[in-house]
Amino acid sequence: MLLTQGLSRISSSAWRALVLVACLLTVMTAAASALTPVEWPDGWSREHSIGAAVLSYGHRTVPWGDSEMWLAMVTSTSSDVLHLEARLLDIQSGETKAQSSLPIEHLLKGYSLATHSSGLAVTWIERNEGVLSQLWFAQVNSDGQILARRLLWQSAALAETPELAIDESGVVHVAFTATEDGQHSVQLISFELSDDKNAIAYRLTPTSEVATLPVIAVRDGNLHLMYYRHTTNSSSALYQLYDLSTRKRLGSIEIGNVPEYYKYPPGLFADDGVVANIVWQRMVTGSGNRVSPGPAVHGRIRYGDWEQSFTPIIAGQARIAGARASRSANGEMLVTWLAQSGSTWQAFAVLRDADGNNVRAGFATLAQGNILELRPLLVGDTGVVSFFRRLPTGPTEVFYAHTGSPAKKSIAYRIGLDPHTPLTDALFKYVTLLTASAAWVFLALGALLVSLAVIAGLSYLGLLSSSSVGLYLRFGLQFVLLAIIKRPGNLLYYGAQIIPGWGSVVSWLGAAVFSLAVIHLSDMASDDYLALALAGLLFMLSDAFTSLFVLGVGRW
């Protein structure tokens, strides 16, 4: 009879709990659908792994046709020999169509890629024996064969960060920085692919300032240049326009302040010979003239003057870093940056049309752990984001995701939950904790049986009365027995973990109060072993939840 009454009360309580959970999920779904950012309507693929690479050298990508891309990265062998490795990848399948490996020594900061009619062009700088800086250039065809490799320029000057562009007539332009009179200035080398003569470097910026991280775009006989200028008092970003035939400066404008060691160059894209689009991370000057990165912005310059001043690409973003962009032939632009999601940095992507309107926006990744060195790319109509991720085993791998073949959506997406919002991010973590806690309770059923057996034996001997005090004494004794049995390595409480210090005691007290509150609120008869068993399960569940949370399960 008591068992039937207990089961009836449990069933009634379970229905009330289900209704409460359904209402809660409805509220969360409505709130999540109203929050930004939203997922891309077409979604993103799952991550494709390219392989291990050296993080400090980064990686570069360029499109090839409408369905393939070149990806270059620096790999290291077991003997610490470096290779600049370029792969031609099928976007959809991740299959490597062609591969080329260039042995390199003493690689300095940066390398750059561009495509031409027959394949890939690569440029990089080596510091040979610590004496000479050497600017190298190589051509790779679409089969991965190295067609040409030549030394463009060498000097005792310290040189770094080459940037490569090929104009409409096939002329190659390489901008880099090299020391003159002790200061880094921007140098430019131009040559034709078929030319094997020694190239001449021309200085574009004065030696009275330090120039770093140049980026270039070439169109209609003009060169668009941006770089970071450092003086004794400040650091700032500059834009300049040059006539390539005379190297005469046609226009110049200061874009804004920048932190001294800011490592992300702006995105620079030429509309024509005199108009350039700039994607950057606007800098904010705070107290004490401290400069810090702000929101991602987009602006347009004509002849060195603003045609459209910087405007935020997405309003109201939290902390971001590393805004970058890629532009297609039809003017569409894919802008990405690293954004905080929960406690990790993830890839946020925005697709803009040729008129500068946002078409789609949302997170392109949701990986456990931080992603690093994010780069966007438009390959035909397909958006691609590539990035580094440090694996738990130690090395860093290059991955990419794309919009060509969306991954199968999770149940969360299908019921309208966006896992990239803070609300559902927290919800999923708590679901993870509850799932792990329930599994832990299942492994601790031996401890529960022992506690019930001890209490049954004491009751049989008449040591526990049937009064209210005796009933709650049984609950208290069970909680104490479970706490005593909970020890790491105990097969009755398999997988048990103990929180350091007084944390375990606080957890046990909280679990006991929670268990008794549920028994009381559900109006269960507290004088049968069904209630005692349920209380024991709730005690272990809530204690496991607290222990796992403190130990880090469910938190990224």
Protein backbone atom coordinates (compact mmCIF):
# COMPACT_ATOMS: atom_id res chain seq x y z
CA MET A 1 0.00 0.00 0.00
CA LEU A 2 2.74 2.40 1.01
CA LEU A 3 4.62 1.54 -2.21
CA THR A 4 1.52 2.31 -4.35
CA GLN A 5 0.94 5.64 -2.58
CA GLY A 6 4.59 6.56 -2.97
CA LEU A 7 4.60 5.75 -6.68
CA SER A 8 1.40 7.78 -7.15
CA ARG A 9 2.93 10.80 -5.46
CA ILE A 10 6.14 10.44 -7.50
CA SER A 11 4.12 10.24 -10.74
CA SER A 12 2.15 13.38 -9.85
CA SER A 13 5.34 15.22 -8.92
CA ALA A 14 7.04 14.09 -12.14
CA TRP A 15 4.23 15.54 -14.27
CA ARG A 16 4.48 18.87 -12.44
CA ALA A 17 8.24 18.86 -12.98
CA LEU A 18 7.83 18.10 -16.72
CA VAL A 19 5.39 21.00 -17.14
CA LEU A 20 7.83 23.31 -15.32
CA VAL A 21 10.74 22.21 -17.52
CA ALA A 22 8.63 22.67 -20.69
CA CYS A 23 7.72 26.22 -19.65
CA LEU A 24 11.36 26.96 -18.88
CA LEU A 25 12.51 25.66 -22.28
CA THR A 26 9.83 27.74 -24.03
CA VAL A 27 11.05 30.90 -22.31
CA MET A 28 14.69 30.09 -23.13
CA THR A 29 13.84 29.35 -26.77
CA ALA A 30 12.00 32.64 -27.16
CA ALA A 31 14.84 34.55 -25.51
CA ALA A 32 17.51 32.77 -27.57
CA SER A 33 15.74 33.49 -30.86
CA ALA A 34 15.66 37.20 -30.01
CA LEU A 35 19.36 37.40 -29.18
CA THR A 36 22.09 38.23 -31.68
CA PRO A 37 24.16 37.00 -33.33
CA VAL A 38 22.10 34.43 -35.22
CA GLU A 39 23.38 31.44 -37.13
CA TRP A 40 23.96 31.69 -40.85
CA PRO A 41 20.81 30.42 -42.60
CA ASP A 42 22.90 27.94 -44.60
CA GLY A 43 25.10 27.01 -41.66
CA TRP A 44 28.77 26.03 -41.67
CA SER A 45 30.44 22.70 -42.31
CA ARG A 46 32.21 20.67 -39.71
CA GLU A 47 35.92 21.33 -39.25
CA HIS A 48 38.34 19.90 -41.82
CA SER A 49 41.81 19.18 -40.42
CA ILE A 50 44.78 20.13 -42.61
CA GLY A 51 47.46 18.86 -40.22
CA ALA A 52 49.97 20.08 -37.67
CA ALA A 53 51.81 23.34 -38.33
CA VAL A 54 54.00 25.85 -36.49
CA LEU A 55 51.67 28.42 -34.94
CA SER A 56 54.22 31.23 -34.69
CA TYR A 57 54.46 31.44 -38.51
CA GLY A 58 50.70 31.47 -39.09
CA HIS A 59 49.07 30.37 -42.34
CA ARG A 60 47.78 32.02 -45.55
CA THR A 61 44.99 31.21 -48.00
CA VAL A 62 44.02 32.31 -51.54
CA PRO A 63 41.17 31.12 -53.79
CA TRP A 64 41.69 28.97 -56.88
CA GLY A 65 38.68 28.79 -59.20
CA ASP A 66 35.20 28.41 -57.72
CA SER A 67 35.72 25.31 -55.59
CA GLU A 68 39.37 25.11 -54.50
CA MET A 69 41.84 27.10 -52.44
CA TRP A 70 45.55 27.22 -51.82
CA LEU A 71 46.57 27.01 -48.17
CA ALA A 72 50.16 27.54 -47.04
CA MET A 73 51.63 26.79 -43.62
CA VAL A 74 55.02 26.13 -42.07
CA THR A 75 55.63 22.55 -40.95
CA SER A 76 58.47 21.09 -38.95
CA THR A 77 60.01 17.61 -39.21
CA SER A 78 61.29 15.54 -36.31
CA SER A 79 64.74 17.00 -36.96
CA ASP A 80 63.33 20.55 -36.71
CA VAL A 81 63.76 21.21 -40.44
CA LEU A 82 61.21 23.77 -41.59
CA HIS A 83 59.16 23.52 -44.78
CA LEU A 84 56.88 26.09 -46.34
CA GLU A 85 54.10 23.77 -47.44
CA ALA A 86 51.41 24.77 -49.96
CA ARG A 87 48.35 22.62 -50.59
CA LEU A 88 45.62 22.91 -53.20
CA LEU A 89 42.44 21.80 -51.43
CA ASP A 90 38.97 20.90 -52.63
CA ILE A 91 36.76 23.03 -50.39
CA GLN A 92 33.89 20.55 -50.10
CA SER A 93 35.76 17.31 -49.46
CA GLY A 94 39.00 18.61 -47.95
CA GLU A 95 40.90 16.46 -50.44
CA THR A 96 44.43 17.61 -51.29
CA LYS A 97 44.60 18.05 -55.09
CA ALA A 98 48.25 19.14 -55.20
CA GLN A 99 51.02 19.70 -52.68
CA SER A 100 54.37 21.41 -52.74
CA SER A 101 57.02 21.70 -50.04
CA LEU A 102 59.77 24.33 -50.01
CA PRO A 103 62.64 23.71 -47.54
CA ILE A 104 63.47 26.96 -45.74
CA GLU A 105 66.09 28.06 -43.25
CA HIS A 106 66.03 30.94 -40.77
CA LEU A 107 62.56 32.08 -41.82
CA LEU A 108 61.77 35.59 -40.61
CA LYS A 109 58.38 37.12 -39.96
CA GLY A 110 55.76 36.45 -42.56
CA TYR A 111 55.24 35.08 -46.05
CA SER A 112 52.63 35.86 -48.69
CA LEU A 113 50.62 34.16 -51.46
CA ALA A 114 48.96 35.24 -54.70
CA THR A 115 47.60 33.36 -57.70
CA HIS A 116 48.29 33.89 -61.37
CA SER A 117 47.16 32.17 -64.57
CA SER A 118 49.20 28.99 -64.10
CA GLY A 119 49.23 28.54 -60.35
CA LEU A 120 50.53 29.96 -57.11
CA ALA A 121 53.15 32.60 -56.35
CA VAL A 122 54.89 32.56 -52.95
CA THR A 123 57.31 35.03 -51.40
CA TRP A 124 59.16 34.86 -48.07
CA ILE A 125 62.23 36.25 -46.28
CA GLU A 126 65.09 34.27 -44.77
CA ARG A 127 67.91 35.59 -42.61
CA ASN A 128 70.82 33.55 -43.99
CA GLU A 129 73.37 32.72 -41.26
CA GLY A 130 72.19 35.78 -39.37
CA VAL A 131 74.10 37.99 -41.86
CA LEU A 132 72.03 38.52 -45.00
CA SER A 133 68.29 39.02 -45.39
CA GLN A 134 67.12 37.24 -48.54
CA LEU A 135 63.78 37.80 -50.26
CA TRP A 136 62.77 34.65 -52.14
CA PHE A 137 60.07 34.08 -54.73
CA ALA A 138 58.68 30.81 -56.09
CA GLN A 139 56.03 29.69 -58.58
CA VAL A 140 54.03 26.50 -58.12
CA ASN A 141 51.70 25.12 -60.79
CA SER A 142 48.30 23.56 -60.14
CA ASP A 143 49.92 20.09 -60.01
CA GLY A 144 52.19 21.12 -57.13
CA GLN A 145 55.36 21.31 -59.24
CA ILE A 146 57.79 24.11 -58.43
CA LEU A 147 58.24 25.95 -61.73
CA ALA A 148 60.74 28.56 -60.58
CA ARG A 149 62.50 29.63 -57.43
CA ARG A 150 64.62 32.73 -57.42
CA LEU A 151 66.37 35.10 -55.06
CA LEU A 152 64.84 38.54 -55.60
CA TRP A 153 66.85 40.68 -53.23
CA GLN A 154 69.37 40.40 -50.42
CA SER A 155 70.91 42.83 -47.99
CA ALA A 156 72.56 43.05 -44.62
CA ALA A 157 69.53 45.09 -43.55
CA LEU A 158 67.03 43.30 -41.34
CA ALA A 159 63.92 42.66 -43.47
CA GLU A 160 60.51 41.13 -42.69
CA THR A 161 56.75 40.83 -43.47
CA PRO A 162 56.62 40.59 -47.29
CA GLU A 163 53.26 41.20 -48.97
CA LEU A 164 52.57 40.05 -52.53
CA ALA A 165 50.21 41.38 -55.22
CA ILE A 166 49.94 40.65 -58.96
CA ASP A 167 48.31 43.28 -61.18
CA GLU A 168 46.10 42.88 -64.26
CA SER A 169 49.05 42.69 -66.65
CA GLY A 170 50.82 39.98 -64.63
CA VAL A 171 53.44 42.22 -63.02
CA VAL A 172 54.42 41.07 -59.51
CA HIS A 173 54.75 43.59 -56.68
CA VAL A 174 56.28 42.76 -53.30
CA ALA A 175 56.21 45.21 -50.39
CA PHE A 176 58.23 44.53 -47.24
CA THR A 177 60.05 46.43 -44.51
CA ALA A 178 63.83 46.71 -44.23
CA THR A 179 66.11 48.70 -41.96
CA GLU A 180 67.77 51.81 -43.30
CA ASP A 181 69.71 53.99 -40.89
CA GLY A 182 68.46 51.74 -38.11
CA GLN A 183 64.75 52.23 -38.90
CA HIS A 184 62.31 49.96 -40.72
CA SER A 185 60.93 51.54 -43.91
CA VAL A 186 58.59 50.12 -46.55
CA GLN A 187 60.39 48.85 -49.66
CA LEU A 188 58.78 47.89 -52.97
CA ILE A 189 60.01 45.48 -55.66
CA SER A 190 58.21 45.08 -59.00
CA PHE A 191 59.04 42.55 -61.74
CA GLU A 192 57.47 40.37 -64.42
CA LEU A 193 57.08 36.63 -63.91
CA SER A 194 59.30 35.89 -66.92
CA ASP A 195 62.01 38.31 -65.78
CA ASP A 196 65.13 36.71 -64.26
CA LYS A 197 67.13 39.89 -63.71
CA ASN A 198 68.05 41.21 -60.28
CA ALA A 199 65.16 43.17 -58.83
CA ILE A 200 65.59 46.68 -57.45
CA ALA A 201 64.00 47.71 -54.17
CA TYR A 202 62.61 51.27 -53.89
CA ARG A 203 61.98 52.91 -50.54
CA LEU A 204 58.48 54.36 -50.14
CA THR A 205 58.44 55.64 -46.55
CA PRO A 206 60.90 57.93 -44.73
CA THR A 207 63.63 56.64 -42.43
CA SER A 208 62.55 59.05 -39.70
CA GLU A 209 59.80 56.63 -38.65
CA VAL A 210 59.49 52.90 -38.02
CA ALA A 211 57.13 51.15 -40.47
CA THR A 212 55.65 47.70 -39.82
CA LEU A 213 53.09 45.30 -41.32
CA PRO A 214 52.61 46.78 -44.81
CA VAL A 215 49.65 45.62 -46.93
CA ILE A 216 49.16 46.47 -50.61
CA ALA A 217 46.58 46.37 -53.38
CA VAL A 218 47.39 47.11 -57.04
CA ARG A 219 44.92 48.35 -59.65
CA ASP A 220 45.01 50.42 -62.85
CA GLY A 221 48.67 51.32 -62.51
CA ASN A 222 48.40 52.57 -58.94
CA LEU A 223 49.54 51.09 -55.63
CA HIS A 224 47.41 51.31 -52.49
CA LEU A 225 49.55 50.94 -49.35
CA MET A 226 48.74 50.74 -45.65
CA TYR A 227 51.18 50.25 -42.81
CA TYR A 228 51.69 51.01 -39.13
CA ARG A 229 53.95 53.98 -38.37
CA HIS A 230 55.77 54.19 -35.04
CA THR A 231 57.44 57.31 -33.67
CA THR A 232 58.83 58.11 -30.23
CA ASN A 233 55.45 59.45 -29.11
CA SER A 234 52.79 57.34 -30.83
CA SER A 235 51.84 54.57 -33.23
CA SER A 236 49.28 54.99 -35.98
CA ALA A 237 47.95 53.44 -39.21
CA LEU A 238 48.59 55.26 -42.51
CA TYR A 239 47.13 54.93 -45.99
CA GLN A 240 49.06 56.08 -49.07
CA LEU A 241 48.40 56.01 -52.83
CA TYR A 242 51.26 55.80 -55.37
CA ASP A 243 51.66 55.95 -59.13
CA LEU A 244 53.59 52.77 -59.92
CA SER A 245 55.33 54.11 -63.02
CA THR A 246 56.85 57.10 -61.21
CA ARG A 247 56.45 55.98 -57.56
CA LYS A 248 55.02 59.43 -56.91
CA ARG A 249 52.72 59.70 -53.93
CA LEU A 250 49.22 60.77 -55.02
CA GLY A 251 47.51 60.88 -51.64
CA SER A 252 47.93 60.09 -47.96
CA ILE A 253 45.78 60.01 -44.84
CA GLU A 254 46.27 58.93 -41.23
CA ILE A 255 43.70 56.27 -40.34
CA GLY A 256 44.00 56.32 -36.54
CA ASN A 257 46.06 55.35 -33.53
CA VAL A 258 47.14 51.79 -32.91
CA PRO A 259 48.73 49.97 -29.92
CA GLU A 260 52.49 49.74 -30.33
CA TYR A 261 52.58 45.96 -30.65
CA TYR A 262 49.27 45.42 -32.47
CA LYS A 263 49.88 42.41 -34.74
CA TYR A 264 46.84 42.42 -37.05
CA PRO A 265 47.23 44.42 -40.29
CA PRO A 266 44.14 46.01 -41.89
CA GLY A 267 42.34 44.55 -44.88
CA LEU A 268 42.92 46.63 -48.02
CA PHE A 269 40.97 46.16 -51.29
CA ALA A 270 41.16 48.27 -54.45
CA ASP A 271 37.94 49.20 -56.28
CA ASP A 272 40.02 50.90 -58.95
CA GLY A 273 43.20 52.91 -59.20
CA VAL A 274 42.07 55.61 -56.75
CA VAL A 275 39.38 54.03 -54.50
CA ALA A 276 40.20 51.57 -51.73
CA ASN A 277 38.08 49.76 -49.14
CA ILE A 278 39.54 49.25 -45.66
CA VAL A 279 38.40 46.75 -43.05
CA TRP A 280 39.98 47.25 -39.67
CA GLN A 281 39.43 47.17 -35.95
CA ARG A 282 38.76 50.71 -34.82
CA MET A 283 41.07 51.83 -32.04
CA VAL A 284 39.75 53.54 -28.92
CA THR A 285 41.90 55.98 -26.92
CA GLY A 286 41.16 55.80 -23.22
CA SER A 287 42.55 57.37 -20.06
CA GLY A 288 46.26 58.08 -20.07
CA ASN A 289 46.17 57.99 -23.90
CA ARG A 290 46.01 54.23 -23.74
CA VAL A 291 44.98 52.80 -27.13
CA SER A 292 42.92 49.61 -27.22
CA PRO A 293 41.11 47.77 -30.04
CA GLY A 294 37.39 48.45 -30.46
CA PRO A 295 34.74 47.23 -32.95
CA ALA A 296 35.37 45.97 -36.48
CA VAL A 297 34.76 48.76 -39.01
CA HIS A 298 34.58 49.30 -42.78
CA GLY A 299 35.41 52.51 -44.70
CA ARG A 300 36.28 53.73 -48.19
CA ILE A 301 38.98 56.18 -49.32
CA ARG A 302 39.27 58.07 -52.62
CA TYR A 303 42.55 59.78 -53.53
CA GLY A 304 43.62 59.82 -49.87
CA ASP A 305 40.37 61.34 -48.51
CA TRP A 306 37.42 59.66 -46.87
CA GLU A 307 34.60 58.87 -49.26
CA GLN A 308 32.85 56.86 -46.56
CA SER A 309 34.15 57.09 -43.00
CA PHE A 310 34.52 54.05 -40.78
CA THR A 311 31.23 52.50 -39.69
CA PRO A 312 30.85 49.46 -37.38
CA ILE A 313 30.14 46.22 -39.22
CA ILE A 314 28.15 44.80 -36.29
CA ALA A 315 26.90 46.98 -33.44
CA GLY A 316 27.12 45.95 -29.81
CA GLN A 317 29.80 43.25 -30.07
CA ALA A 318 31.62 42.13 -26.93
CA ARG A 319 35.41 41.70 -26.84
CA ILE A 320 36.84 40.95 -30.28
CA ALA A 321 40.30 40.63 -31.84
CA GLY A 322 41.96 40.15 -35.21
CA ALA A 323 39.41 41.58 -37.68
CA ARG A 324 40.26 40.39 -41.20
CA ALA A 325 38.46 40.34 -44.55
CA SER A 326 38.41 38.69 -47.97
CA ARG A 327 36.81 40.12 -51.11
CA SER A 328 35.47 38.37 -54.20
CA ALA A 329 35.51 39.57 -57.80
CA ASN A 330 31.84 40.66 -57.59
CA GLY A 331 32.51 42.88 -54.56
CA GLU A 332 31.13 40.62 -51.84
CA MET A 333 33.16 40.66 -48.65
CA LEU A 334 33.61 38.07 -45.90
CA VAL A 335 34.72 39.72 -42.66
CA THR A 336 35.81 37.66 -39.65
CA TRP A 337 37.12 38.29 -36.21
CA LEU A 338 37.80 36.42 -33.00
CA ALA A 339 34.91 36.94 -30.58
CA GLN A 340 34.37 35.70 -27.06
CA SER A 341 31.79 32.93 -26.78
CA GLY A 342 31.47 31.74 -23.21
CA SER A 343 35.07 31.66 -22.00
CA THR A 344 36.70 30.89 -25.38
CA TRP A 345 37.59 32.78 -28.53
CA GLN A 346 35.59 31.64 -31.56
CA ALA A 347 35.26 32.71 -35.21
CA PHE A 348 32.55 35.25 -35.96
CA ALA A 349 31.78 35.83 -39.65
CA VAL A 350 29.85 38.51 -41.54
CA LEU A 351 28.99 38.34 -45.25
CA ARG A 352 28.53 41.76 -46.89
CA ASP A 353 27.23 42.52 -50.38
CA ALA A 354 28.90 44.86 -52.87
CA ASP A 355 26.95 47.82 -51.41
CA GLY A 356 28.30 47.23 -47.92
CA ASN A 357 25.12 45.72 -46.44
CA ASN A 358 25.29 42.78 -44.05
CA VAL A 359 23.69 39.73 -45.67
CA ARG A 360 24.46 37.10 -43.04
CA ALA A 361 26.21 37.08 -39.69
CA GLY A 362 26.99 34.53 -37.03
CA PHE A 363 29.55 32.27 -35.44
CA ALA A 364 31.38 29.98 -37.85
CA THR A 365 32.92 27.82 -35.11
CA LEU A 366 32.03 26.53 -31.69
CA ALA A 367 35.08 24.47 -30.78
CA GLN A 368 36.18 23.40 -27.33
CA GLY A 369 39.13 25.61 -26.51
CA ASN A 370 40.32 28.76 -28.22
CA ILE A 371 40.80 29.08 -31.94
CA LEU A 372 43.79 31.10 -33.12
CA GLU A 373 45.10 32.94 -36.20
CA LEU A 374 41.73 33.24 -37.97
CA ARG A 375 41.63 33.97 -41.74
CA PRO A 376 38.58 34.42 -44.01
CA LEU A 377 38.31 33.56 -47.71
CA LEU A 378 35.63 33.75 -50.40
CA VAL A 379 35.90 30.96 -52.98
CA GLY A 380 33.19 31.62 -55.56
CA ASP A 381 29.98 31.69 -53.54
CA THR A 382 31.49 29.73 -50.65
CA GLY A 383 32.69 31.33 -47.45
CA VAL A 384 35.71 29.73 -45.76
CA VAL A 385 37.31 30.38 -42.39
CA SER A 386 40.65 28.75 -41.56
CA PHE A 387 42.31 28.80 -38.15
CA PHE A 388 44.69 27.13 -35.74
CA ARG A 389 43.53 25.11 -32.75
CA ARG A 390 45.81 23.72 -30.08
CA LEU A 391 44.99 20.07 -29.49
CA PRO A 392 44.94 18.52 -25.99
CA THR A 393 47.93 16.39 -27.01
CA GLY A 394 50.09 19.49 -27.51
CA PRO A 395 50.61 20.38 -31.20
CA THR A 396 48.62 22.99 -33.10
CA GLU A 397 46.64 21.98 -36.17
CA VAL A 398 45.18 24.03 -39.01
CA PHE A 399 41.45 23.58 -39.62
CA TYR A 400 38.88 25.17 -41.88
CA ALA A 401 35.11 25.32 -42.08
CA HIS A 402 32.98 26.46 -45.03
CA THR A 403 29.43 27.25 -46.09
CA GLY A 404 29.29 24.88 -49.06
CA SER A 405 27.93 21.79 -47.29
CA PRO A 406 26.45 22.60 -43.87
CA ALA A 407 26.96 20.14 -41.05
CA LYS A 408 23.90 18.27 -39.82
CA LYS A 409 22.19 20.56 -37.37
CA SER A 410 22.04 19.52 -33.74
CA ILE A 411 18.78 19.03 -31.89
CA ALA A 412 19.37 22.42 -30.28
CA TYR A 413 19.23 24.16 -33.66
CA ARG A 414 16.18 22.18 -34.75
CA ILE A 415 14.16 23.36 -31.73
CA GLY A 416 15.30 26.94 -32.22
CA LEU A 417 18.15 27.21 -29.73
CA ASP A 418 21.30 28.99 -30.86
CA PRO A 419 24.26 27.50 -28.92
CA HIS A 420 26.33 30.62 -29.58
CA THR A 421 24.35 32.92 -27.27
CA PRO A 422 25.41 33.30 -23.63
CA LEU A 423 22.03 31.99 -22.46
CA THR A 424 22.12 28.69 -24.31
CA ASP A 425 25.87 28.40 -23.84
CA ALA A 426 25.17 28.25 -20.10
CA LEU A 427 22.21 25.91 -20.63
CA PHE A 428 24.29 23.38 -22.57
CA LYS A 429 26.98 23.44 -19.92
CA TYR A 430 24.47 22.70 -17.19
CA VAL A 431 22.96 19.89 -19.27
CA THR A 432 26.50 18.49 -19.56
CA LEU A 433 26.85 18.67 -15.79
CA LEU A 434 23.49 16.99 -15.17
CA THR A 435 24.30 14.20 -17.62
CA ALA A 436 27.69 13.58 -16.02
CA SER A 437 26.16 13.73 -12.53
CA ALA A 438 23.49 11.16 -13.43
CA ALA A 439 26.18 8.86 -14.82
CA TRP A 440 28.16 9.28 -11.62
CA VAL A 441 25.10 8.37 -9.50
CA PHE A 442 24.63 5.19 -11.54
CA LEU A 443 28.22 4.20 -10.71
CA ALA A 444 27.54 4.86 -7.00
CA LEU A 445 24.48 2.64 -6.59
CA GLY A 446 26.57 0.23 -4.53
CA ALA A 447 27.03 2.92 -1.87
CA LEU A 448 23.26 3.56 -1.86
CA LEU A 449 22.50 -0.14 -1.36
CA VAL A 450 24.98 -0.34 1.52
CA SER A 451 23.38 2.67 3.25
CA LEU A 452 19.88 1.23 2.83
CA ALA A 453 21.04 -2.14 4.18
CA VAL A 454 22.62 -0.55 7.27
CA ILE A 455 19.50 1.52 8.01
CA ALA A 456 17.24 -1.53 7.49
CA GLY A 457 19.37 -3.53 9.93
CA LEU A 458 19.31 -0.79 12.59
CA SER A 459 15.53 -0.40 12.16
CA TYR A 460 15.04 -4.15 12.51
CA LEU A 461 17.00 -4.06 15.77
CA GLY A 462 14.73 -1.26 17.00
CA LEU A 463 17.52 1.32 17.18
CA LEU A 464 15.67 3.75 14.88
CA SER A 465 12.17 4.71 16.03
CA SER A 466 9.23 5.48 13.75
CA SER A 467 8.75 8.96 15.20
CA SER A 468 9.47 12.14 13.19
CA VAL A 469 12.86 12.41 14.86
CA GLY A 470 13.62 8.79 13.99
CA LEU A 471 12.56 9.28 10.38
CA TYR A 472 14.80 12.30 9.85
CA LEU A 473 17.56 10.50 11.75
CA ARG A 474 17.39 7.81 9.07
CA PHE A 475 17.82 10.44 6.34
CA GLY A 476 20.71 12.02 8.21
CA LEU A 477 22.37 8.65 8.80
CA GLN A 478 22.06 7.78 5.12
CA PHE A 479 23.69 11.06 4.07
CA VAL A 480 26.55 10.49 6.50
CA LEU A 481 27.06 6.92 5.28
CA LEU A 482 27.14 8.08 1.64
CA ALA A 483 29.65 10.80 2.51
CA ILE A 484 31.86 8.28 4.34
CA ILE A 485 31.73 5.75 1.50
CA LYS A 486 32.52 8.44 -1.11
CA ARG A 487 36.25 7.94 -1.51
CA PRO A 488 38.40 7.88 -4.67
CA GLY A 489 39.02 4.30 -5.73
CA ASN A 490 36.05 2.90 -3.76
CA LEU A 491 34.27 0.39 -5.99
CA LEU A 492 30.97 1.14 -4.19
CA TYR A 493 31.28 4.81 -5.27
CA TYR A 494 33.16 4.33 -8.52
CA GLY A 495 34.91 7.38 -10.01
CA ALA A 496 34.34 9.52 -6.93
CA GLN A 497 36.18 12.86 -6.74
CA ILE A 498 36.61 14.86 -3.53
CA ILE A 499 36.55 18.66 -3.58
CA PRO A 500 39.55 20.05 -1.66
CA GLY A 501 39.14 21.65 1.76
CA TRP A 502 35.74 22.45 3.22
CA GLY A 503 34.16 22.35 -0.21
CA SER A 504 33.07 18.73 0.25
CA VAL A 505 31.36 19.46 3.56
CA VAL A 506 29.49 22.42 2.09
CA SER A 507 28.51 20.30 -0.92
CA TRP A 508 27.19 17.51 1.32
CA LEU A 509 25.17 19.92 3.46
CA GLY A 510 23.69 21.55 0.37
CA ALA A 511 22.88 18.15 -1.14
CA ALA A 512 21.16 17.06 2.09
CA VAL A 513 19.02 20.20 2.27
CA PHE A 514 18.08 19.84 -1.40
CA SER A 515 17.12 16.17 -1.00
CA LEU A 516 14.93 16.78 2.05
CA ALA A 517 13.30 19.79 0.39
CA VAL A 518 12.30 17.69 -2.64
CA ILE A 519 10.89 14.94 -0.41
CA HIS A 520 8.93 17.50 1.59
CA LEU A 521 7.62 19.53 -1.38
CA SER A 522 6.57 16.41 -3.30
CA ASP A 523 4.43 15.40 -0.32
CA MET A 524 5.94 11.92 -0.26
CA ALA A 525 5.48 9.63 2.68
CA SER A 526 8.83 9.86 4.46
CA ASP A 527 8.38 6.62 6.38
CA ASP A 528 9.07 4.18 3.53
CA TYR A 529 12.26 3.05 1.87
CA LEU A 530 11.20 4.44 -1.50
CA ALA A 531 11.50 7.99 -0.16
CA LEU A 532 14.78 7.06 1.52
CA ALA A 533 16.18 5.66 -1.74
CA LEU A 534 15.01 8.74 -3.68
CA ALA A 535 16.60 11.03 -1.12
CA GLY A 536 19.87 9.10 -1.44
CA LEU A 537 19.80 9.42 -5.23
CA LEU A 538 19.07 13.17 -5.04
CA PHE A 539 21.83 13.58 -2.46
CA MET A 540 24.40 11.90 -4.72
CA LEU A 541 23.12 13.74 -7.82
CA SER A 542 23.35 17.24 -6.32
CA ASP A 543 26.69 16.49 -4.64
CA ALA A 544 28.06 15.16 -7.95
CA PHE A 545 26.79 18.25 -9.77
CA THR A 546 28.63 20.55 -7.35
CA SER A 547 31.79 18.45 -7.41
CA LEU A 548 31.94 18.30 -11.21
CA PHE A 549 31.29 22.03 -11.52
CA VAL A 550 34.11 22.88 -9.11
CA LEU A 551 36.41 20.42 -10.90
CA GLY A 552 35.70 22.14 -14.22
CA VAL A 553 33.35 19.79 -16.10
CA GLY A 554 31.02 21.75 -18.37
CA ARG A 555 33.21 24.85 -18.35
CA TRP A 556 35.38 25.65 -21.36
